[in-house]
Amino acid sequence: MVIKSLCLVIGAVFYFAPGQATVVRLGPKEVADLVIQNNHKVKEAQLNPEISRLNYIRAKQILDWHLLLESGLEESRFEPFSGLPFNTGQDTLQTQISLRKNLLSGTQIQLNVQHTSTRFDLAAGSVLPPTVNVWTSSVSLTQSLWRNYFGEAWRREIEAQKQFYETAHMQKLEELETLVTEGVHRFWGVITAELALKEHQAARDRYQVLLTNVRRKQAVGFVNPGELSLVQAELEAKEQSVWKAEVTLQETRSQFLTFLHLAKDAQIEWVFPKDIQSLPPFTPDDFDVRQTRPYRIAERRKEATENLLKAAQANQGMDISLIGQYGIAGVDKLSETARQEWLRADRPRYFVGLRVQWEFGSDVRQEEVRSKRFSLDQENLKLSRLLLELEDKKATLKKKILNQYQTLSSLVKQKNFRLNAVRELTRSYEVGKVDIRTLIDTINGAHFTDLEYLKGVAEYQNLVVEWLALKDELVLALE
């Protein structure tokens, strides 16, 4: 049954050795498999989440480790600030290593180690040491208290971009489901075109038989004026219908094979139910549209936008931070002695203070909050509108499926009635009891009913597919 088979997208494409004709067995399930595996739009949809991943990584960049390595030699002949005449110049070799890390609590931790070696050019008689080595290190913590208080803005921004990234993955599945739905619709379009061609050919054959009967009657003088020309005109009309049906089939089939990325000369074995007995009634079960993927995508986007708003609000106001620092140092004319003194840590330095920064003039932070608030209002409106649209679509699809099945059942009865009428009126015409116009109208009515039945079967299957897609069951195996 199409309903069950479309719920799974598991299968394989059939490959054959080079030089052999490719034979592909195609039913709705196989079409779903081929769409997912071969369609170019599917491949494009699968790349979209990977592209959107960059914004998520950028948001987490605030938590990166920052390592600084710096070393340099300075030669100076500036007049010393001390004003002592004994120093005529100095050469300084400085090396620094710094490591910085931000935490989600809004805390910045920084470790700094520095070694400075200075050689002085001393005047004669100076009592200063010719070389001074300084080893210093410090650990500092900076905690945000007002703007980005305790990391609120960072957490909200990262969570928002994560939600957008997850939304991109959900949107990928939605696009896959849409393409599978389109593929199955195209499948039934080809089936309808092929069966319609056969039906047009059958109608043409019936008129060829009728034309033979009219000519036989004309030979014995039992034909009314204009009957032969009328049948010949109808036969020409049916010939034109066959030609148009052939073009339609060729175009529909070519587009379908291109959609599946199959060779134009591929041999297709079509798999589909042939009559109403293969279409048991499908009763759409009720479900909550809030659980469908489109609604969940819109809801997740709203939550992400809300997080962006809260991040912007947390980034308002003055930047007030609490700063704490602990440092140690070692100083001596010998580098090793200075290093040992530094490692003993018997000369610590402590610092506690506040840092206040405030930018003003452009009000850009206030405008950012305002923009994010409007974006959130927009997402709320979209979510409310989408809920109503999904409810309407569910109710409409359910009604259409039930009505379409009843229509198909009625068309089966109508086909049988019209076929019986054609048989009876044909016999009556042969004995001269029925006018040719009545017989032609009856034949055309039967032909029209057959075509309507073919279209009805395709429409019924497409409605079932749309229902499954609405419930997110069409590509359920991908999740």
Foldseek 3Di string as FASTA:
>chain_A
DLLVLLLAQDDDFDDDDPPDFFETEDDLSVLLNLLCVFFPVLVVLVCQLVVLVVQLVVLCCLFDKDKDWDWDKDWDQDDDPVNDPFFRTKIKIKIKIKIWGADLQQKIKMKIWMKMKMATDTHPPDPDDRIKIKIKMKIKMKAWPAQCHRNLLSVLSNLLSVLVSVLSVLVSLLVSLVLSLVLLLLLLQLVLLVVLLVLLVVLLVVLVVVLVLQVVCVVVPQHDPPLNVVSVVVSVVSVVVNVVSVVSNLVSLVVSCVSSVHDSSHHYNYDDDDALVVPDADQDDDDQLCPFSVLVSLVSNLSSLVSNLSSLVSRDDKGKIKMKMKMFMFMDRDNVNRVVRRVVRPHMDIDIDMDIDDDDDPCVSVVSSVVSVVVSVVSVVVSVVVSVVLVVVLVVLSVCLVVLSVVLVVLVVVLVVLVVVLVVVVVCVSVPNDDSVVNVVSSVVNSVSVSVNSVSVSVNSSSSSVSCSSRVSSHVVVD
